[in-house]
Amino acid sequence: MVKRKIVWSNRARIKLFEILEFYTERNKSRVYSAKLYQRLTKELKILHNQPDIGLNSEIESVRGLIIDDYILFYEYNDERIVVHSIWDCRQNPEDLIIK
């Protein structure tokens, strides 16, 4: 079994932080943000073992994993899985930047 390392790009880290911070401020609590983060972590563990489960995107090597209202855009090779962005599907699709 190949041991891949999961690497978050700077854009993906910033988007994740923005999403979690948004729900913390809106709900005046960190409970939902913590649950959302746990859900994303759980799906990343599955992705770690089965990197082909994501759907193909417009960019040839990039795939998208749908998690509730979000899409996690990533690409992988034998050594690592690079998370390029996380996208809230309820946003304007014209604002989407994957890589």
PDB file of N, CA and C in Angstrom:
ATOM      1  N   MET A   1       0.834  -1.181   0.000  1.00  0.00           N
ATOM      2  CA  MET A   1       0.000   0.000   0.000  1.00  0.00           C
ATOM      3  C   MET A   1       0.879   1.245   0.000  1.00  0.00           C
ATOM      4  N   VAL A   2       0.531   2.187  -0.839  1.00  0.00           N
ATOM      5  CA  VAL A   2       1.302   3.409  -0.979  1.00  0.00           C
ATOM      6  C   VAL A   2       0.944   4.379   0.138  1.00  0.00           C
ATOM      7  N   LYS A   3       1.960   4.939   0.760  1.00  0.00           N
ATOM      8  CA  LYS A   3       1.744   5.941   1.803  1.00  0.00           C
ATOM      9  C   LYS A   3       1.835   7.321   1.168  1.00  0.00           C
ATOM     10  N   ARG A   4       0.699   7.949   0.951  1.00  0.00           N
ATOM     11  CA  ARG A   4       0.664   9.297   0.396  1.00  0.00           C
ATOM     12  C   ARG A   4       0.522  10.296   1.531  1.00  0.00           C
ATOM     13  N   LYS A   5       1.166  11.433   1.352  1.00  0.00           N
ATOM     14  CA  LYS A   5       1.048  12.517   2.315  1.00  0.00           C
ATOM     15  C   LYS A   5       0.017  13.519   1.788  1.00  0.00           C
ATOM     16  N   ILE A   6      -0.876  13.989   2.638  1.00  0.00           N
ATOM     17  CA  ILE A   6      -1.856  14.992   2.240  1.00  0.00           C
ATOM     18  C   ILE A   6      -1.273  16.367   2.512  1.00  0.00           C
ATOM     19  N   VAL A   7      -1.226  17.190   1.453  1.00  0.00           N
ATOM     20  CA  VAL A   7      -0.643  18.523   1.531  1.00  0.00           C
ATOM     21  C   VAL A   7      -1.710  19.538   1.132  1.00  0.00           C
ATOM     22  N   TRP A   8      -1.912  20.551   1.962  1.00  0.00           N
ATOM     23  CA  TRP A   8      -2.866  21.619   1.666  1.00  0.00           C
ATOM     24  C   TRP A   8      -2.108  22.789   1.067  1.00  0.00           C
ATOM     25  N   SER A   9      -2.585  23.309  -0.055  1.00  0.00           N
ATOM     26  CA  SER A   9      -1.993  24.511  -0.635  1.00  0.00           C
ATOM     27  C   SER A   9      -2.374  25.705   0.233  1.00  0.00           C
ATOM     28  N   ASN A  10      -1.677  26.818   0.037  1.00  0.00           N
ATOM     29  CA  ASN A  10      -2.009  28.022   0.805  1.00  0.00           C
ATOM     30  C   ASN A  10      -3.437  28.468   0.525  1.00  0.00           C
ATOM     31  N   ARG A  11      -3.860  28.417  -0.738  1.00  0.00           N
ATOM     32  CA  ARG A  11      -5.222  28.820  -1.095  1.00  0.00           C
ATOM     33  C   ARG A  11      -6.242  27.943  -0.368  1.00  0.00           C
ATOM     34  N   ALA A  12      -6.007  26.642  -0.333  1.00  0.00           N
ATOM     35  CA  ALA A  12      -6.939  25.723   0.321  1.00  0.00           C
ATOM     36  C   ALA A  12      -7.007  25.990   1.823  1.00  0.00           C
ATOM     37  N   ARG A  13      -5.872  26.243   2.445  1.00  0.00           N
ATOM     38  CA  ARG A  13      -5.868  26.547   3.883  1.00  0.00           C
ATOM     39  C   ARG A  13      -6.651  27.820   4.181  1.00  0.00           C
ATOM     40  N   ILE A  14      -6.440  28.833   3.350  1.00  0.00           N
ATOM     41  CA  ILE A  14      -7.138  30.103   3.549  1.00  0.00           C
ATOM     42  C   ILE A  14      -8.643  29.919   3.372  1.00  0.00           C
ATOM     43  N   LYS A  15      -9.057  29.212   2.309  1.00  0.00           N
ATOM     44  CA  LYS A  15     -10.484  28.983   2.068  1.00  0.00           C
ATOM     45  C   LYS A  15     -11.107  28.189   3.216  1.00  0.00           C
ATOM     46  N   LEU A  16     -10.410  27.157   3.699  1.00  0.00           N
ATOM     47  CA  LEU A  16     -10.921  26.369   4.821  1.00  0.00           C
ATOM     48  C   LEU A  16     -11.092  27.250   6.050  1.00  0.00           C
ATOM     49  N   PHE A  17     -10.084  28.059   6.353  1.00  0.00           N
ATOM     50  CA  PHE A  17     -10.165  28.943   7.502  1.00  0.00           C
ATOM     51  C   PHE A  17     -11.329  29.922   7.353  1.00  0.00           C
ATOM     52  N   GLU A  18     -11.514  30.483   6.148  1.00  0.00           N
ATOM     53  CA  GLU A  18     -12.611  31.423   5.915  1.00  0.00           C
ATOM     54  C   GLU A  18     -13.974  30.762   6.135  1.00  0.00           C
ATOM     55  N   ILE A  19     -14.125  29.543   5.656  1.00  0.00           N
ATOM     56  CA  ILE A  19     -15.391  28.825   5.818  1.00  0.00           C
ATOM     57  C   ILE A  19     -15.670  28.547   7.293  1.00  0.00           C
ATOM     58  N   LEU A  20     -14.674  28.033   8.000  1.00  0.00           N
ATOM     59  CA  LEU A  20     -14.850  27.721   9.415  1.00  0.00           C
ATOM     60  C   LEU A  20     -15.097  28.984  10.242  1.00  0.00           C
ATOM     61  N   GLU A  21     -14.377  30.042   9.916  1.00  0.00           N
ATOM     62  CA  GLU A  21     -14.547  31.304  10.633  1.00  0.00           C
ATOM     63  C   GLU A  21     -15.930  31.912  10.364  1.00  0.00           C
ATOM     64  N   PHE A  22     -16.408  31.796   9.135  1.00  0.00           N
ATOM     65  CA  PHE A  22     -17.738  32.297   8.791  1.00  0.00           C
ATOM     66  C   PHE A  22     -18.809  31.656   9.677  1.00  0.00           C
ATOM     67  N   TYR A  23     -18.773  30.330   9.799  1.00  0.00           N
ATOM     68  CA  TYR A  23     -19.787  29.650  10.605  1.00  0.00           C
ATOM     69  C   TYR A  23     -19.620  29.919  12.091  1.00  0.00           C
ATOM     70  N   THR A  24     -18.398  30.116  12.536  1.00  0.00           N
ATOM     71  CA  THR A  24     -18.178  30.463  13.937  1.00  0.00           C
ATOM     72  C   THR A  24     -18.804  31.815  14.256  1.00  0.00           C
ATOM     73  N   GLU A  25     -18.590  32.784  13.372  1.00  0.00           N
ATOM     74  CA  GLU A  25     -19.150  34.121  13.602  1.00  0.00           C
ATOM     75  C   GLU A  25     -20.672  34.129  13.431  1.00  0.00           C
ATOM     76  N   ARG A  26     -21.159  33.467  12.391  1.00  0.00           N
ATOM     77  CA  ARG A  26     -22.607  33.479  12.134  1.00  0.00           C
ATOM     78  C   ARG A  26     -23.384  32.793  13.244  1.00  0.00           C
ATOM     79  N   ASN A  27     -22.872  31.645  13.705  1.00  0.00           N
ATOM     80  CA  ASN A  27     -23.575  30.861  14.725  1.00  0.00           C
ATOM     81  C   ASN A  27     -23.218  31.258  16.151  1.00  0.00           C
ATOM     82  N   LYS A  28     -22.225  32.132  16.292  1.00  0.00           N
ATOM     83  CA  LYS A  28     -21.744  32.549  17.623  1.00  0.00           C
ATOM     84  C   LYS A  28     -21.302  31.348  18.449  1.00  0.00           C
ATOM     85  N   SER A  29     -20.788  30.346  17.742  1.00  0.00           N
ATOM     86  CA  SER A  29     -20.328  29.122  18.391  1.00  0.00           C
ATOM     87  C   SER A  29     -19.385  28.385  17.437  1.00  0.00           C
ATOM     88  N   ARG A  30     -18.474  27.625  17.995  1.00  0.00           N
ATOM     89  CA  ARG A  30     -17.545  26.844  17.176  1.00  0.00           C
ATOM     90  C   ARG A  30     -18.020  25.404  16.949  1.00  0.00           C
ATOM     91  N   VAL A  31     -19.167  25.067  17.438  1.00  0.00           N
ATOM     92  CA  VAL A  31     -19.647  23.688  17.377  1.00  0.00           C
ATOM     93  C   VAL A  31     -19.805  23.221  15.927  1.00  0.00           C
ATOM     94  N   TYR A  32     -20.525  23.988  15.111  1.00  0.00           N
ATOM     95  CA  TYR A  32     -20.722  23.566  13.723  1.00  0.00           C
ATOM     96  C   TYR A  32     -19.406  23.532  12.969  1.00  0.00           C
ATOM     97  N   SER A  33     -18.540  24.512  13.192  1.00  0.00           N
ATOM     98  CA  SER A  33     -17.239  24.542  12.521  1.00  0.00           C
ATOM     99  C   SER A  33     -16.413  23.307  12.875  1.00  0.00           C
ATOM    100  N   ALA A  34     -16.459  22.904  14.134  1.00  0.00           N
ATOM    101  CA  ALA A  34     -15.730  21.709  14.564  1.00  0.00           C
ATOM    102  C   ALA A  34     -16.294  20.461  13.896  1.00  0.00           C
ATOM    103  N   LYS A  35     -17.611  20.367  13.798  1.00  0.00           N
ATOM    104  CA  LYS A  35     -18.239  19.210  13.143  1.00  0.00           C
ATOM    105  C   LYS A  35     -17.897  19.183  11.657  1.00  0.00           C
ATOM    106  N   LEU A  36     -17.907  20.344  11.016  1.00  0.00           N
ATOM    107  CA  LEU A  36     -17.562  20.416   9.599  1.00  0.00           C
ATOM    108  C   LEU A  36     -16.104  20.010   9.380  1.00  0.00           C
ATOM    109  N   TYR A  37     -15.209  20.481  10.228  1.00  0.00           N
ATOM    110  CA  TYR A  37     -13.799  20.120  10.126  1.00  0.00           C
ATOM    111  C   TYR A  37     -13.606  18.612  10.320  1.00  0.00           C
ATOM    112  N   GLN A  38     -14.317  18.030  11.275  1.00  0.00           N
ATOM    113  CA  GLN A  38     -14.237  16.581  11.488  1.00  0.00           C
ATOM    114  C   GLN A  38     -14.734  15.821  10.267  1.00  0.00           C
ATOM    115  N   ARG A  39     -15.803  16.303   9.654  1.00  0.00           N
ATOM    116  CA  ARG A  39     -16.346  15.659   8.449  1.00  0.00           C
ATOM    117  C   ARG A  39     -15.331  15.706   7.309  1.00  0.00           C
ATOM    118  N   LEU A  40     -14.693  16.863   7.114  1.00  0.00           N
ATOM    119  CA  LEU A  40     -13.682  16.994   6.064  1.00  0.00           C
ATOM    120  C   LEU A  40     -12.489  16.084   6.338  1.00  0.00           C
ATOM    121  N   THR A  41     -12.079  16.003   7.580  1.00  0.00           N
ATOM    122  CA  THR A  41     -10.961  15.133   7.959  1.00  0.00           C
ATOM    123  C   THR A  41     -11.302  13.668   7.701  1.00  0.00           C
ATOM    124  N   LYS A  42     -12.517  13.277   8.025  1.00  0.00           N
ATOM    125  CA  LYS A  42     -12.963  11.898   7.788  1.00  0.00           C
ATOM    126  C   LYS A  42     -12.927  11.571   6.293  1.00  0.00           C
ATOM    127  N   GLU A  43     -13.423  12.488   5.462  1.00  0.00           N
ATOM    128  CA  GLU A  43     -13.431  12.263   4.015  1.00  0.00           C
ATOM    129  C   GLU A  43     -12.007  12.243   3.449  1.00  0.00           C
ATOM    130  N   LEU A  44     -11.114  13.033   4.014  1.00  0.00           N
ATOM    131  CA  LEU A  44      -9.719  13.018   3.563  1.00  0.00           C
ATOM    132  C   LEU A  44      -9.041  11.680   3.879  1.00  0.00           C
ATOM    133  N   LYS A  45      -9.423  11.060   4.975  1.00  0.00           N
ATOM    134  CA  LYS A  45      -8.877   9.732   5.296  1.00  0.00           C
ATOM    135  C   LYS A  45      -9.331   8.710   4.261  1.00  0.00           C
ATOM    136  N   ILE A  46     -10.578   8.814   3.842  1.00  0.00           N
ATOM    137  CA  ILE A  46     -11.077   7.920   2.783  1.00  0.00           C
ATOM    138  C   ILE A  46     -10.342   8.211   1.481  1.00  0.00           C
ATOM    139  N   LEU A  47     -10.189   9.490   1.177  1.00  0.00           N
ATOM    140  CA  LEU A  47      -9.477   9.896  -0.036  1.00  0.00           C
ATOM    141  C   LEU A  47      -8.037   9.409  -0.021  1.00  0.00           C
ATOM    142  N   HIS A  48      -7.433   9.407   1.139  1.00  0.00           N
ATOM    143  CA  HIS A  48      -6.051   8.933   1.286  1.00  0.00           C
ATOM    144  C   HIS A  48      -5.910   7.495   0.799  1.00  0.00           C
ATOM    145  N   ASN A  49      -6.896   6.669   1.098  1.00  0.00           N
ATOM    146  CA  ASN A  49      -6.854   5.258   0.707  1.00  0.00           C
ATOM    147  C   ASN A  49      -7.387   5.011  -0.700  1.00  0.00           C
ATOM    148  N   GLN A  50      -8.283   5.874  -1.174  1.00  0.00           N
ATOM    149  CA  GLN A  50      -8.896   5.693  -2.492  1.00  0.00           C
ATOM    150  C   GLN A  50      -8.904   7.026  -3.241  1.00  0.00           C
ATOM    151  N   PRO A  51      -7.755   7.465  -3.750  1.00  0.00           N
ATOM    152  CA  PRO A  51      -7.672   8.803  -4.355  1.00  0.00           C
ATOM    153  C   PRO A  51      -8.458   8.958  -5.660  1.00  0.00           C
ATOM    154  N   ASP A  52      -8.918   7.887  -6.255  1.00  0.00           N
ATOM    155  CA  ASP A  52      -9.669   7.978  -7.509  1.00  0.00           C
ATOM    156  C   ASP A  52     -11.159   8.240  -7.306  1.00  0.00           C
ATOM    157  N   ILE A  53     -11.634   8.383  -6.075  1.00  0.00           N
ATOM    158  CA  ILE A  53     -13.077   8.519  -5.852  1.00  0.00           C
ATOM    159  C   ILE A  53     -13.622   9.875  -6.269  1.00  0.00           C
ATOM    160  N   GLY A  54     -12.763  10.875  -6.415  1.00  0.00           N
ATOM    161  CA  GLY A  54     -13.225  12.197  -6.827  1.00  0.00           C
ATOM    162  C   GLY A  54     -13.597  12.224  -8.302  1.00  0.00           C
ATOM    163  N   LEU A  55     -14.419  13.194  -8.669  1.00  0.00           N
ATOM    164  CA  LEU A  55     -14.842  13.362 -10.052  1.00  0.00           C
ATOM    165  C   LEU A  55     -13.810  14.167 -10.831  1.00  0.00           C
ATOM    166  N   ASN A  56     -13.701  13.908 -12.128  1.00  0.00           N
ATOM    167  CA  ASN A  56     -12.804  14.685 -12.969  1.00  0.00           C
ATOM    168  C   ASN A  56     -13.292  16.118 -13.059  1.00  0.00           C
ATOM    169  N   SER A  57     -12.359  17.049 -13.120  1.00  0.00           N
ATOM    170  CA  SER A  57     -12.705  18.461 -13.260  1.00  0.00           C
ATOM    171  C   SER A  57     -12.297  18.944 -14.646  1.00  0.00           C
ATOM    172  N   GLU A  58     -12.460  20.238 -14.874  1.00  0.00           N
ATOM    173  CA  GLU A  58     -12.081  20.813 -16.156  1.00  0.00           C
ATOM    174  C   GLU A  58     -10.573  20.773 -16.371  1.00  0.00           C
ATOM    175  N   ILE A  59      -9.821  20.758 -15.292  1.00  0.00           N
ATOM    176  CA  ILE A  59      -8.361  20.653 -15.372  1.00  0.00           C
ATOM    177  C   ILE A  59      -8.025  19.166 -15.345  1.00  0.00           C
ATOM    178  N   GLU A  60      -7.239  18.727 -16.292  1.00  0.00           N
ATOM    179  CA  GLU A  60      -7.027  17.294 -16.531  1.00  0.00           C
ATOM    180  C   GLU A  60      -6.583  16.504 -15.296  1.00  0.00           C
ATOM    181  N   SER A  61      -5.618  16.986 -14.563  1.00  0.00           N
ATOM    182  CA  SER A  61      -5.081  16.205 -13.451  1.00  0.00           C
ATOM    183  C   SER A  61      -5.802  16.447 -12.122  1.00  0.00           C
ATOM    184  N   VAL A  62      -6.727  17.391 -12.087  1.00  0.00           N
ATOM    185  CA  VAL A  62      -7.404  17.761 -10.842  1.00  0.00           C
ATOM    186  C   VAL A  62      -8.750  17.062 -10.749  1.00  0.00           C
ATOM    187  N   ARG A  63      -9.040  16.549  -9.559  1.00  0.00           N
ATOM    188  CA  ARG A  63     -10.305  15.873  -9.292  1.00  0.00           C
ATOM    189  C   ARG A  63     -11.046  16.634  -8.202  1.00  0.00           C
ATOM    190  N   GLY A  64     -12.346  16.406  -8.098  1.00  0.00           N
ATOM    191  CA  GLY A  64     -13.151  17.079  -7.088  1.00  0.00           C
ATOM    192  C   GLY A  64     -13.917  16.072  -6.255  1.00  0.00           C
ATOM    193  N   LEU A  65     -13.767  16.157  -4.957  1.00  0.00           N
ATOM    194  CA  LEU A  65     -14.476  15.287  -4.027  1.00  0.00           C
ATOM    195  C   LEU A  65     -15.627  16.085  -3.413  1.00  0.00           C
ATOM    196  N   ILE A  66     -16.854  15.621  -3.633  1.00  0.00           N
ATOM    197  CA  ILE A  66     -18.033  16.315  -3.112  1.00  0.00           C
ATOM    198  C   ILE A  66     -18.281  15.870  -1.670  1.00  0.00           C
ATOM    199  N   ILE A  67     -18.331  16.868  -0.784  1.00  0.00           N
ATOM    200  CA  ILE A  67     -18.586  16.624   0.634  1.00  0.00           C
ATOM    201  C   ILE A  67     -19.687  17.586   1.051  1.00  0.00           C
ATOM    202  N   ASP A  68     -20.904  17.089   1.157  1.00  0.00           N
ATOM    203  CA  ASP A  68     -22.069  17.906   1.486  1.00  0.00           C
ATOM    204  C   ASP A  68     -22.187  19.075   0.496  1.00  0.00           C
ATOM    205  N   ASP A  69     -22.074  20.320   0.987  1.00  0.00           N
ATOM    206  CA  ASP A  69     -22.198  21.501   0.126  1.00  0.00           C
ATOM    207  C   ASP A  69     -20.847  21.990  -0.400  1.00  0.00           C
ATOM    208  N   TYR A  70     -19.823  21.186  -0.289  1.00  0.00           N
ATOM    209  CA  TYR A  70     -18.469  21.605  -0.641  1.00  0.00           C
ATOM    210  C   TYR A  70     -17.854  20.656  -1.663  1.00  0.00           C
ATOM    211  N   ILE A  71     -16.903  21.194  -2.418  1.00  0.00           N
ATOM    212  CA  ILE A  71     -16.097  20.368  -3.307  1.00  0.00           C
ATOM    213  C   ILE A  71     -14.649  20.613  -2.941  1.00  0.00           C
ATOM    214  N   LEU A  72     -13.927  19.533  -2.694  1.00  0.00           N
ATOM    215  CA  LEU A  72     -12.515  19.583  -2.374  1.00  0.00           C
ATOM    216  C   LEU A  72     -11.758  19.257  -3.656  1.00  0.00           C
ATOM    217  N   PHE A  73     -11.049  20.238  -4.216  1.00  0.00           N
ATOM    218  CA  PHE A  73     -10.299  20.030  -5.450  1.00  0.00           C
ATOM    219  C   PHE A  73      -8.880  19.596  -5.107  1.00  0.00           C
ATOM    220  N   TYR A  74      -8.441  18.504  -5.726  1.00  0.00           N
ATOM    221  CA  TYR A  74      -7.129  17.937  -5.400  1.00  0.00           C
ATOM    222  C   TYR A  74      -6.545  17.241  -6.620  1.00  0.00           C
ATOM    223  N   GLU A  75      -5.249  16.981  -6.538  1.00  0.00           N
ATOM    224  CA  GLU A  75      -4.597  16.091  -7.494  1.00  0.00           C
ATOM    225  C   GLU A  75      -3.640  15.213  -6.702  1.00  0.00           C
ATOM    226  N   TYR A  76      -3.283  14.099  -7.270  1.00  0.00           N
ATOM    227  CA  TYR A  76      -2.446  13.163  -6.527  1.00  0.00           C
ATOM    228  C   TYR A  76      -1.436  12.470  -7.442  1.00  0.00           C
ATOM    229  N   ASN A  77      -0.404  11.953  -6.784  1.00  0.00           N
ATOM    230  CA  ASN A  77       0.562  11.071  -7.438  1.00  0.00           C
ATOM    231  C   ASN A  77       0.929  10.001  -6.417  1.00  0.00           C
ATOM    232  N   ASP A  78       1.999   9.269  -6.672  1.00  0.00           N
ATOM    233  CA  ASP A  78       2.366   8.167  -5.774  1.00  0.00           C
ATOM    234  C   ASP A  78       2.818   8.632  -4.395  1.00  0.00           C
ATOM    235  N   GLU A  79       3.254   9.891  -4.285  1.00  0.00           N
ATOM    236  CA  GLU A  79       3.829  10.359  -3.037  1.00  0.00           C
ATOM    237  C   GLU A  79       2.903  11.237  -2.194  1.00  0.00           C
ATOM    238  N   ARG A  80       2.006  11.980  -2.884  1.00  0.00           N
ATOM    239  CA  ARG A  80       1.187  12.909  -2.103  1.00  0.00           C
ATOM    240  C   ARG A  80      -0.133  13.249  -2.790  1.00  0.00           C
ATOM    241  N   ILE A  81      -1.044  13.747  -1.983  1.00  0.00           N
ATOM    242  CA  ILE A  81      -2.320  14.288  -2.442  1.00  0.00           C
ATOM    243  C   ILE A  81      -2.265  15.775  -2.112  1.00  0.00           C
ATOM    244  N   VAL A  82      -2.397  16.607  -3.134  1.00  0.00           N
ATOM    245  CA  VAL A  82      -2.344  18.056  -2.940  1.00  0.00           C
ATOM    246  C   VAL A  82      -3.763  18.608  -3.030  1.00  0.00           C
ATOM    247  N   VAL A  83      -4.236  19.196  -1.943  1.00  0.00           N
ATOM    248  CA  VAL A  83      -5.546  19.840  -1.911  1.00  0.00           C
ATOM    249  C   VAL A  83      -5.336  21.273  -2.398  1.00  0.00           C
ATOM    250  N   HIS A  84      -5.928  21.597  -3.546  1.00  0.00           N
ATOM    251  CA  HIS A  84      -5.741  22.920  -4.145  1.00  0.00           C
ATOM    252  C   HIS A  84      -6.744  23.939  -3.635  1.00  0.00           C
ATOM    253  N   SER A  85      -7.974  23.509  -3.414  1.00  0.00           N
ATOM    254  CA  SER A  85      -9.000  24.459  -2.980  1.00  0.00           C
ATOM    255  C   SER A  85     -10.192  23.709  -2.399  1.00  0.00           C
ATOM    256  N   ILE A  86     -10.947  24.413  -1.591  1.00  0.00           N
ATOM    257  CA  ILE A  86     -12.224  23.892  -1.119  1.00  0.00           C
ATOM    258  C   ILE A  86     -13.258  24.938  -1.514  1.00  0.00           C
ATOM    259  N   TRP A  87     -14.364  24.477  -2.091  1.00  0.00           N
ATOM    260  CA  TRP A  87     -15.350  25.376  -2.672  1.00  0.00           C
ATOM    261  C   TRP A  87     -16.726  25.121  -2.090  1.00  0.00           C
ATOM    262  N   ASP A  88     -17.359  26.185  -1.627  1.00  0.00           N
ATOM    263  CA  ASP A  88     -18.738  26.110  -1.169  1.00  0.00           C
ATOM    264  C   ASP A  88     -19.614  26.239  -2.414  1.00  0.00           C
ATOM    265  N   CYS A  89     -20.368  25.229  -2.739  1.00  0.00           N
ATOM    266  CA  CYS A  89     -21.164  25.181  -3.975  1.00  0.00           C
ATOM    267  C   CYS A  89     -22.270  26.219  -4.018  1.00  0.00           C
ATOM    268  N   ARG A  90     -22.548  26.871  -2.911  1.00  0.00           N
ATOM    269  CA  ARG A  90     -23.599  27.886  -2.881  1.00  0.00           C
ATOM    270  C   ARG A  90     -23.089  29.265  -3.295  1.00  0.00           C
ATOM    271  N   GLN A  91     -21.802  29.351  -3.631  1.00  0.00           N
ATOM    272  CA  GLN A  91     -21.216  30.614  -4.072  1.00  0.00           C
ATOM    273  C   GLN A  91     -21.351  30.763  -5.578  1.00  0.00           C
ATOM    274  N   ASN A  92     -21.038  31.943  -6.065  1.00  0.00           N
ATOM    275  CA  ASN A  92     -21.073  32.227  -7.492  1.00  0.00           C
ATOM    276  C   ASN A  92     -19.984  31.413  -8.195  1.00  0.00           C
ATOM    277  N   PRO A  93     -20.339  30.541  -9.142  1.00  0.00           N
ATOM    278  CA  PRO A  93     -19.343  29.697  -9.802  1.00  0.00           C
ATOM    279  C   PRO A  93     -18.315  30.478 -10.621  1.00  0.00           C
ATOM    280  N   GLU A  94     -18.631  31.708 -10.978  1.00  0.00           N
ATOM    281  CA  GLU A  94     -17.672  32.513 -11.724  1.00  0.00           C
ATOM    282  C   GLU A  94     -16.481  32.927 -10.857  1.00  0.00           C
ATOM    283  N   ASP A  95     -16.613  32.850  -9.537  1.00  0.00           N
ATOM    284  CA  ASP A  95     -15.545  33.211  -8.623  1.00  0.00           C
ATOM    285  C   ASP A  95     -14.608  32.048  -8.308  1.00  0.00           C
ATOM    286  N   LEU A  96     -14.895  30.874  -8.845  1.00  0.00           N
ATOM    287  CA  LEU A  96     -14.116  29.681  -8.528  1.00  0.00           C
ATOM    288  C   LEU A  96     -12.730  29.736  -9.151  1.00  0.00           C
ATOM    289  N   ILE A  97     -11.717  29.563  -8.306  1.00  0.00           N
ATOM    290  CA  ILE A  97     -10.328  29.419  -8.744  1.00  0.00           C
ATOM    291  C   ILE A  97      -9.830  28.119  -8.137  1.00  0.00           C
ATOM    292  N   ILE A  98      -9.473  27.182  -9.002  1.00  0.00           N
ATOM    293  CA  ILE A  98      -9.057  25.868  -8.503  1.00  0.00           C
ATOM    294  C   ILE A  98      -7.574  25.835  -8.189  1.00  0.00           C
ATOM    295  N   LYS A  99      -6.778  26.279  -9.116  1.00  0.00           N
ATOM    296  CA  LYS A  99      -5.330  26.163  -8.964  1.00  0.00           C
ATOM    297  C   LYS A  99      -4.659  27.490  -9.091  1.00  0.00           C
TER     298      LYS A  99
END
